[in-house]
């Protein structure tokens, strides 16, 4: 992990579950200002995850305060860099939805929410972090380029 402290891998899955719930709310609200506010909250949450790391989000604080004390310690810790990159991907998608929504492109709000929902659901339900996979693909491509 090159000096990074490991994180409990169940934390990002919990964060993804809360994110999925919020994206469903945004989808149910449609293209109006209430949906835009929910998507903006998600974008801000992703922003915290990018700046502070995945453990610096409000969802992660809920996990540490209410969920983790009730669980056995994790078998192993996870490198925080892939989930942090996934937060960046979420920020770009939700941020673009917010920006376009503010510019009057209402359908961008549910489209962005749907994309975030797919990724967060896959992570929460199956442990498949699409942003993490993109991060690892980038690492492999950089390594291949360095060896070429």
N, C-alpha and C. Protein backbone atom coordinates (compact mmCIF):
# COMPACT_ATOMS: atom_id res chain seq x y z
N UNK A 1 0.81 -1.19 0.00
CA UNK A 1 0.00 0.00 0.00
C UNK A 1 0.85 1.26 0.00
N UNK A 2 2.13 1.10 -0.07
CA UNK A 2 3.08 2.21 -0.15
C UNK A 2 2.83 3.31 0.89
N UNK A 3 2.80 2.90 2.14
CA UNK A 3 2.72 3.87 3.22
C UNK A 3 1.33 4.32 3.61
N UNK A 4 0.31 4.01 2.83
CA UNK A 4 -1.05 4.41 3.16
C UNK A 4 -1.61 3.49 4.22
N UNK A 5 -2.31 4.07 5.18
CA UNK A 5 -2.98 3.25 6.19
C UNK A 5 -4.16 2.54 5.53
N UNK A 6 -4.33 1.28 5.88
CA UNK A 6 -5.44 0.52 5.30
C UNK A 6 -6.77 0.93 5.92
N UNK A 7 -7.83 0.65 5.19
CA UNK A 7 -9.18 0.96 5.66
C UNK A 7 -9.99 -0.33 5.73
N UNK A 8 -11.01 -0.31 6.56
CA UNK A 8 -11.94 -1.43 6.67
C UNK A 8 -12.72 -1.50 5.35
N UNK A 9 -12.64 -2.61 4.62
CA UNK A 9 -13.31 -2.67 3.32
C UNK A 9 -14.83 -2.63 3.40
N UNK A 10 -15.38 -2.84 4.59
CA UNK A 10 -16.83 -2.78 4.74
C UNK A 10 -17.32 -1.33 4.78
N UNK A 11 -16.44 -0.41 5.12
CA UNK A 11 -16.81 1.01 5.17
C UNK A 11 -17.25 1.55 3.82
N UNK A 12 -16.44 1.39 2.76
CA UNK A 12 -16.87 1.88 1.46
C UNK A 12 -18.16 1.23 0.96
N UNK A 13 -18.39 -0.02 1.33
CA UNK A 13 -19.65 -0.67 0.91
C UNK A 13 -20.83 -0.04 1.64
N UNK A 14 -20.66 0.31 2.90
CA UNK A 14 -21.71 1.00 3.65
C UNK A 14 -21.96 2.38 3.05
N UNK A 15 -20.88 3.08 2.75
CA UNK A 15 -20.99 4.40 2.10
C UNK A 15 -21.74 4.26 0.78
N UNK A 16 -21.42 3.23 0.02
CA UNK A 16 -22.10 3.00 -1.27
C UNK A 16 -23.59 2.73 -1.07
N UNK A 17 -23.94 2.01 -0.01
CA UNK A 17 -25.35 1.74 0.25
C UNK A 17 -26.11 3.03 0.55
N UNK A 18 -25.53 3.89 1.37
CA UNK A 18 -26.18 5.18 1.65
C UNK A 18 -26.27 6.03 0.39
N UNK A 19 -25.22 5.99 -0.42
CA UNK A 19 -25.22 6.73 -1.68
C UNK A 19 -26.32 6.21 -2.60
N UNK A 20 -26.49 4.90 -2.65
CA UNK A 20 -27.54 4.31 -3.49
C UNK A 20 -28.92 4.79 -3.04
N UNK A 21 -29.14 4.84 -1.74
CA UNK A 21 -30.43 5.32 -1.23
C UNK A 21 -30.67 6.77 -1.65
N UNK A 22 -29.65 7.61 -1.52
CA UNK A 22 -29.81 9.01 -1.91
C UNK A 22 -30.04 9.16 -3.42
N UNK A 23 -29.39 8.32 -4.21
CA UNK A 23 -29.61 8.43 -5.66
C UNK A 23 -31.02 7.99 -6.04
N UNK A 24 -31.56 7.00 -5.33
CA UNK A 24 -32.95 6.60 -5.58
C UNK A 24 -33.88 7.77 -5.25
N UNK A 25 -33.61 8.46 -4.15
CA UNK A 25 -34.41 9.64 -3.80
C UNK A 25 -34.32 10.68 -4.92
N UNK A 26 -33.12 10.94 -5.40
CA UNK A 26 -32.95 11.91 -6.49
C UNK A 26 -33.72 11.47 -7.73
N UNK A 27 -33.67 10.18 -8.04
CA UNK A 27 -34.41 9.69 -9.21
C UNK A 27 -35.91 9.85 -9.03
N UNK A 28 -36.40 9.56 -7.83
CA UNK A 28 -37.84 9.70 -7.58
C UNK A 28 -38.29 11.16 -7.65
N UNK A 29 -37.39 12.07 -7.33
CA UNK A 29 -37.73 13.49 -7.38
C UNK A 29 -37.71 14.05 -8.79
N UNK A 30 -37.10 13.33 -9.73
CA UNK A 30 -37.15 13.72 -11.14
C UNK A 30 -36.14 14.78 -11.52
N UNK A 31 -36.63 15.83 -12.19
CA UNK A 31 -35.74 16.84 -12.75
C UNK A 31 -35.84 18.19 -12.05
N UNK A 32 -36.56 18.26 -10.96
CA UNK A 32 -36.78 19.54 -10.29
C UNK A 32 -35.66 19.94 -9.36
N UNK A 33 -35.90 21.05 -8.67
CA UNK A 33 -34.88 21.61 -7.79
C UNK A 33 -34.59 20.71 -6.59
N UNK A 34 -35.58 19.96 -6.10
CA UNK A 34 -35.33 19.05 -4.97
C UNK A 34 -34.35 17.96 -5.38
N UNK A 35 -34.51 17.42 -6.58
CA UNK A 35 -33.57 16.41 -7.07
C UNK A 35 -32.18 17.00 -7.24
N UNK A 36 -32.13 18.23 -7.70
CA UNK A 36 -30.85 18.92 -7.87
C UNK A 36 -30.15 19.08 -6.52
N UNK A 37 -30.90 19.40 -5.48
CA UNK A 37 -30.31 19.55 -4.14
C UNK A 37 -29.75 18.21 -3.66
N UNK A 38 -30.51 17.13 -3.85
CA UNK A 38 -30.02 15.81 -3.42
C UNK A 38 -28.75 15.46 -4.19
N UNK A 39 -28.74 15.70 -5.49
CA UNK A 39 -27.54 15.40 -6.29
C UNK A 39 -26.37 16.29 -5.85
N UNK A 40 -26.65 17.53 -5.48
CA UNK A 40 -25.59 18.42 -4.99
C UNK A 40 -25.03 17.91 -3.66
N UNK A 41 -25.88 17.38 -2.80
CA UNK A 41 -25.41 16.79 -1.54
C UNK A 41 -24.49 15.60 -1.84
N UNK A 42 -24.88 14.79 -2.81
CA UNK A 42 -24.02 13.67 -3.21
C UNK A 42 -22.69 14.17 -3.75
N UNK A 43 -22.73 15.18 -4.60
CA UNK A 43 -21.49 15.72 -5.16
C UNK A 43 -20.59 16.26 -4.06
N UNK A 44 -21.18 16.95 -3.09
CA UNK A 44 -20.39 17.47 -1.97
C UNK A 44 -19.80 16.32 -1.15
N UNK A 45 -20.56 15.26 -0.98
CA UNK A 45 -20.06 14.09 -0.25
C UNK A 45 -18.89 13.46 -0.98
N UNK A 46 -19.02 13.33 -2.30
CA UNK A 46 -17.91 12.80 -3.09
C UNK A 46 -16.70 13.73 -2.98
N UNK A 47 -16.96 15.03 -2.99
CA UNK A 47 -15.87 15.99 -2.85
C UNK A 47 -15.12 15.80 -1.54
N UNK A 48 -15.85 15.58 -0.46
CA UNK A 48 -15.19 15.29 0.83
C UNK A 48 -14.34 14.03 0.72
N UNK A 49 -14.85 13.02 0.03
CA UNK A 49 -14.11 11.78 -0.13
C UNK A 49 -12.83 11.96 -0.93
N UNK A 50 -12.87 12.88 -1.88
CA UNK A 50 -11.67 13.15 -2.68
C UNK A 50 -10.65 13.93 -1.85
N UNK A 51 -11.11 14.96 -1.15
CA UNK A 51 -10.20 15.83 -0.41
C UNK A 51 -9.68 15.17 0.86
N UNK A 52 -10.57 14.58 1.63
CA UNK A 52 -10.19 14.00 2.92
C UNK A 52 -9.85 12.52 2.86
N UNK A 53 -10.16 11.87 1.76
CA UNK A 53 -10.04 10.42 1.69
C UNK A 53 -11.38 9.80 2.01
N UNK A 54 -11.53 8.56 1.65
CA UNK A 54 -12.83 7.89 1.76
C UNK A 54 -13.31 7.83 3.21
N UNK A 55 -12.42 7.87 4.16
CA UNK A 55 -12.84 7.83 5.56
C UNK A 55 -13.26 9.21 6.08
N UNK A 56 -13.15 10.24 5.26
CA UNK A 56 -13.48 11.59 5.68
C UNK A 56 -14.87 12.05 5.32
N UNK A 57 -15.72 11.15 4.85
CA UNK A 57 -17.08 11.53 4.47
C UNK A 57 -18.02 11.38 5.65
N UNK A 58 -19.17 12.03 5.57
CA UNK A 58 -20.17 11.91 6.63
C UNK A 58 -20.70 10.48 6.71
N UNK A 59 -20.79 9.79 5.55
CA UNK A 59 -21.27 8.41 5.56
C UNK A 59 -20.28 7.50 6.29
N UNK A 60 -19.00 7.75 6.07
CA UNK A 60 -17.97 6.95 6.74
C UNK A 60 -17.99 7.19 8.25
N UNK A 61 -18.28 8.40 8.64
CA UNK A 61 -18.39 8.69 10.08
C UNK A 61 -19.55 7.92 10.69
N UNK A 62 -20.66 7.82 9.97
CA UNK A 62 -21.79 7.01 10.45
C UNK A 62 -21.37 5.55 10.60
N UNK A 63 -20.63 5.05 9.61
CA UNK A 63 -20.14 3.67 9.67
C UNK A 63 -19.28 3.46 10.91
N UNK A 64 -18.32 4.35 11.12
CA UNK A 64 -17.41 4.20 12.27
C UNK A 64 -18.15 4.33 13.59
N UNK A 65 -19.14 5.18 13.66
CA UNK A 65 -19.84 5.45 14.93
C UNK A 65 -20.86 4.37 15.27
N UNK A 66 -21.63 3.93 14.27
CA UNK A 66 -22.77 3.07 14.56
C UNK A 66 -22.65 1.63 14.07
N UNK A 67 -21.88 1.39 13.03
CA UNK A 67 -21.83 0.05 12.44
C UNK A 67 -20.58 -0.71 12.85
N UNK A 68 -19.43 -0.13 12.64
CA UNK A 68 -18.18 -0.86 12.91
C UNK A 68 -18.05 -1.37 14.34
N UNK A 69 -18.50 -0.63 15.37
CA UNK A 69 -18.38 -1.16 16.73
C UNK A 69 -19.15 -2.47 16.94
N UNK A 70 -20.12 -2.75 16.08
CA UNK A 70 -20.92 -3.97 16.21
C UNK A 70 -20.37 -5.13 15.38
N UNK A 71 -19.30 -4.89 14.65
CA UNK A 71 -18.71 -5.91 13.78
C UNK A 71 -17.40 -6.41 14.34
N UNK A 72 -17.05 -7.62 13.96
CA UNK A 72 -15.72 -8.13 14.28
C UNK A 72 -14.70 -7.34 13.45
N UNK A 73 -13.46 -7.29 13.91
CA UNK A 73 -12.44 -6.61 13.10
C UNK A 73 -12.35 -7.26 11.71
N UNK A 74 -12.02 -6.46 10.70
CA UNK A 74 -11.92 -7.03 9.35
C UNK A 74 -10.75 -8.01 9.26
N UNK A 75 -10.87 -8.99 8.38
CA UNK A 75 -9.80 -9.96 8.17
C UNK A 75 -8.55 -9.29 7.62
N UNK A 76 -8.76 -8.33 6.74
CA UNK A 76 -7.63 -7.57 6.18
C UNK A 76 -8.11 -6.17 5.86
N UNK A 77 -7.15 -5.28 5.74
CA UNK A 77 -7.46 -3.90 5.41
C UNK A 77 -7.26 -3.67 3.92
N UNK A 78 -7.88 -2.62 3.41
CA UNK A 78 -7.87 -2.31 1.99
C UNK A 78 -7.06 -1.03 1.74
N UNK A 79 -6.38 -1.00 0.62
CA UNK A 79 -5.68 0.20 0.18
C UNK A 79 -6.72 1.30 -0.05
N UNK A 80 -6.57 2.48 0.55
CA UNK A 80 -7.58 3.53 0.38
C UNK A 80 -7.53 4.26 -0.96
N UNK A 81 -6.47 4.05 -1.74
CA UNK A 81 -6.34 4.82 -2.99
C UNK A 81 -7.40 4.48 -4.03
N UNK A 82 -7.71 3.20 -4.29
CA UNK A 82 -8.78 2.93 -5.26
C UNK A 82 -10.14 3.50 -4.85
N UNK A 83 -10.59 3.34 -3.59
CA UNK A 83 -11.87 3.96 -3.23
C UNK A 83 -11.84 5.49 -3.31
N UNK A 84 -10.70 6.08 -3.04
CA UNK A 84 -10.60 7.54 -3.15
C UNK A 84 -10.75 7.96 -4.61
N UNK A 85 -10.15 7.21 -5.51
CA UNK A 85 -10.33 7.49 -6.94
C UNK A 85 -11.79 7.31 -7.33
N UNK A 86 -12.43 6.29 -6.77
CA UNK A 86 -13.86 6.08 -7.05
C UNK A 86 -14.68 7.28 -6.60
N UNK A 87 -14.28 7.90 -5.49
CA UNK A 87 -14.95 9.12 -5.04
C UNK A 87 -14.79 10.23 -6.08
N UNK A 88 -13.62 10.30 -6.71
CA UNK A 88 -13.39 11.29 -7.76
C UNK A 88 -14.31 11.04 -8.95
N UNK A 89 -14.44 9.78 -9.34
CA UNK A 89 -15.34 9.44 -10.44
C UNK A 89 -16.77 9.86 -10.09
N UNK A 90 -17.20 9.54 -8.87
CA UNK A 90 -18.53 9.95 -8.43
C UNK A 90 -18.71 11.46 -8.42
N UNK A 91 -17.66 12.17 -8.01
CA UNK A 91 -17.70 13.64 -8.00
C UNK A 91 -17.86 14.18 -9.42
N UNK A 92 -17.12 13.63 -10.36
CA UNK A 92 -17.21 14.10 -11.75
C UNK A 92 -18.62 13.87 -12.30
N UNK A 93 -19.16 12.68 -12.09
CA UNK A 93 -20.48 12.36 -12.64
C UNK A 93 -21.57 13.20 -11.97
N UNK A 94 -21.58 13.21 -10.64
CA UNK A 94 -22.63 13.97 -9.95
C UNK A 94 -22.43 15.47 -10.14
N UNK A 95 -21.18 15.92 -10.14
CA UNK A 95 -20.91 17.34 -10.36
C UNK A 95 -21.35 17.80 -11.73
N UNK A 96 -21.14 16.96 -12.74
CA UNK A 96 -21.60 17.29 -14.08
C UNK A 96 -23.12 17.36 -14.12
N UNK A 97 -23.78 16.43 -13.43
CA UNK A 97 -25.24 16.47 -13.35
C UNK A 97 -25.74 17.73 -12.68
N UNK A 98 -25.07 18.15 -11.60
CA UNK A 98 -25.45 19.39 -10.91
C UNK A 98 -25.22 20.59 -11.82
N UNK A 99 -24.06 20.66 -12.44
CA UNK A 99 -23.75 21.79 -13.32
C UNK A 99 -24.76 21.90 -14.46
N UNK A 100 -25.02 20.78 -15.12
CA UNK A 100 -25.98 20.81 -16.23
C UNK A 100 -27.38 21.14 -15.73
N UNK A 101 -27.73 20.62 -14.54
CA UNK A 101 -29.03 20.95 -13.96
C UNK A 101 -29.16 22.44 -13.69
N UNK A 102 -28.09 23.04 -13.17
CA UNK A 102 -28.10 24.49 -12.92
C UNK A 102 -28.20 25.29 -14.21
N UNK A 103 -27.68 24.72 -15.30
CA UNK A 103 -27.74 25.40 -16.60
C UNK A 103 -29.06 25.14 -17.33
N UNK A 104 -29.99 24.45 -16.66
CA UNK A 104 -31.30 24.24 -17.25
C UNK A 104 -31.49 22.93 -17.98
N UNK A 105 -30.51 22.06 -17.95
CA UNK A 105 -30.63 20.76 -18.60
C UNK A 105 -31.14 19.77 -17.54
N UNK A 106 -32.44 19.85 -17.26
CA UNK A 106 -33.05 19.04 -16.21
C UNK A 106 -32.82 17.55 -16.32
N UNK A 107 -32.90 16.96 -17.53
CA UNK A 107 -32.71 15.51 -17.63
C UNK A 107 -31.31 15.03 -17.21
N UNK A 108 -30.36 15.94 -17.14
CA UNK A 108 -29.01 15.54 -16.69
C UNK A 108 -29.02 15.09 -15.24
N UNK A 109 -29.97 15.58 -14.46
CA UNK A 109 -30.02 15.24 -13.03
C UNK A 109 -30.33 13.76 -12.84
N UNK A 110 -31.43 13.24 -13.40
CA UNK A 110 -31.68 11.81 -13.22
C UNK A 110 -30.68 10.92 -13.96
N UNK A 111 -30.13 11.40 -15.06
CA UNK A 111 -29.12 10.59 -15.77
C UNK A 111 -27.88 10.43 -14.89
N UNK A 112 -27.41 11.52 -14.31
CA UNK A 112 -26.25 11.43 -13.41
C UNK A 112 -26.58 10.58 -12.20
N UNK A 113 -27.77 10.76 -11.64
CA UNK A 113 -28.18 9.97 -10.47
C UNK A 113 -28.23 8.49 -10.83
N UNK A 114 -28.72 8.16 -12.02
CA UNK A 114 -28.80 6.76 -12.43
C UNK A 114 -27.41 6.15 -12.58
N UNK A 115 -26.48 6.90 -13.15
CA UNK A 115 -25.11 6.38 -13.28
C UNK A 115 -24.48 6.14 -11.91
N UNK A 116 -24.67 7.09 -11.00
CA UNK A 116 -24.14 6.92 -9.65
C UNK A 116 -24.83 5.75 -8.95
N UNK A 117 -26.14 5.58 -9.19
CA UNK A 117 -26.87 4.47 -8.58
C UNK A 117 -26.32 3.13 -9.03
N UNK A 118 -26.07 2.98 -10.31
CA UNK A 118 -25.53 1.70 -10.81
C UNK A 118 -24.22 1.38 -10.11
N UNK A 119 -23.32 2.35 -10.08
CA UNK A 119 -22.01 2.11 -9.47
C UNK A 119 -22.13 1.84 -7.97
N UNK A 120 -22.93 2.64 -7.28
CA UNK A 120 -23.03 2.46 -5.83
C UNK A 120 -23.76 1.16 -5.48
N UNK A 121 -24.75 0.78 -6.26
CA UNK A 121 -25.44 -0.48 -6.00
C UNK A 121 -24.50 -1.66 -6.20
N UNK A 122 -23.73 -1.65 -7.28
CA UNK A 122 -22.79 -2.75 -7.52
C UNK A 122 -21.79 -2.87 -6.37
N UNK A 123 -21.33 -1.75 -5.85
CA UNK A 123 -20.39 -1.77 -4.74
C UNK A 123 -21.07 -2.27 -3.47
N UNK A 124 -22.24 -1.71 -3.15
CA UNK A 124 -22.93 -2.08 -1.91
C UNK A 124 -23.37 -3.53 -1.91
N UNK A 125 -23.93 -3.99 -3.02
CA UNK A 125 -24.52 -5.33 -3.06
C UNK A 125 -23.51 -6.43 -3.34
N UNK A 126 -22.53 -6.14 -4.19
CA UNK A 126 -21.63 -7.20 -4.65
C UNK A 126 -20.16 -6.94 -4.36
N UNK A 127 -19.84 -5.79 -3.81
CA UNK A 127 -18.44 -5.47 -3.55
C UNK A 127 -17.66 -5.13 -4.80
N UNK A 128 -18.36 -4.84 -5.89
CA UNK A 128 -17.70 -4.48 -7.15
C UNK A 128 -17.65 -2.96 -7.26
N UNK A 129 -16.48 -2.41 -7.04
CA UNK A 129 -16.28 -0.96 -7.09
C UNK A 129 -15.76 -0.59 -8.48
N UNK A 130 -16.63 0.00 -9.30
CA UNK A 130 -16.23 0.33 -10.67
C UNK A 130 -15.11 1.36 -10.70
N UNK A 131 -15.18 2.37 -9.85
CA UNK A 131 -14.12 3.37 -9.79
C UNK A 131 -12.80 2.76 -9.37
N UNK A 132 -12.86 1.79 -8.44
CA UNK A 132 -11.64 1.09 -8.01
C UNK A 132 -11.04 0.30 -9.16
N UNK A 133 -11.91 -0.33 -9.94
CA UNK A 133 -11.44 -1.09 -11.10
C UNK A 133 -10.79 -0.17 -12.12
N UNK A 134 -11.35 1.02 -12.32
CA UNK A 134 -10.73 2.00 -13.22
C UNK A 134 -9.36 2.42 -12.70
N UNK A 135 -9.26 2.61 -11.39
CA UNK A 135 -7.97 2.97 -10.78
C UNK A 135 -6.94 1.87 -11.05
N UNK A 136 -7.32 0.63 -10.81
CA UNK A 136 -6.39 -0.48 -11.00
C UNK A 136 -6.02 -0.65 -12.47
N UNK A 137 -6.96 -0.40 -13.37
CA UNK A 137 -6.65 -0.43 -14.80
C UNK A 137 -5.61 0.63 -15.14
N UNK A 138 -5.77 1.82 -14.58
CA UNK A 138 -4.78 2.88 -14.80
C UNK A 138 -3.41 2.51 -14.28
N UNK A 139 -3.36 1.86 -13.11
CA UNK A 139 -2.08 1.41 -12.55
C UNK A 139 -1.42 0.40 -13.49
N UNK A 140 -2.21 -0.55 -13.99
CA UNK A 140 -1.66 -1.56 -14.90
C UNK A 140 -1.18 -0.93 -16.20
N UNK A 141 -1.94 0.03 -16.73
CA UNK A 141 -1.53 0.69 -17.98
C UNK A 141 -0.25 1.49 -17.79
N UNK A 142 -0.13 2.19 -16.65
CA UNK A 142 1.11 2.93 -16.39
C UNK A 142 2.29 1.98 -16.25
N UNK A 143 2.09 0.86 -15.60
CA UNK A 143 3.17 -0.11 -15.43
C UNK A 143 3.58 -0.70 -16.78
N UNK A 144 2.59 -1.00 -17.62
CA UNK A 144 2.90 -1.55 -18.94
C UNK A 144 3.64 -0.53 -19.79
N UNK A 145 3.24 0.73 -19.70
CA UNK A 145 3.91 1.79 -20.46
C UNK A 145 5.34 1.98 -19.97
N UNK A 146 5.55 1.88 -18.65
CA UNK A 146 6.89 2.04 -18.09
C UNK A 146 7.80 0.89 -18.50
N UNK A 147 7.23 -0.29 -18.68
CA UNK A 147 8.02 -1.47 -19.05
C UNK A 147 8.22 -1.58 -20.55
N UNK A 148 7.51 -0.78 -21.33
CA UNK A 148 7.60 -0.88 -22.79
C UNK A 148 8.82 -0.16 -23.32
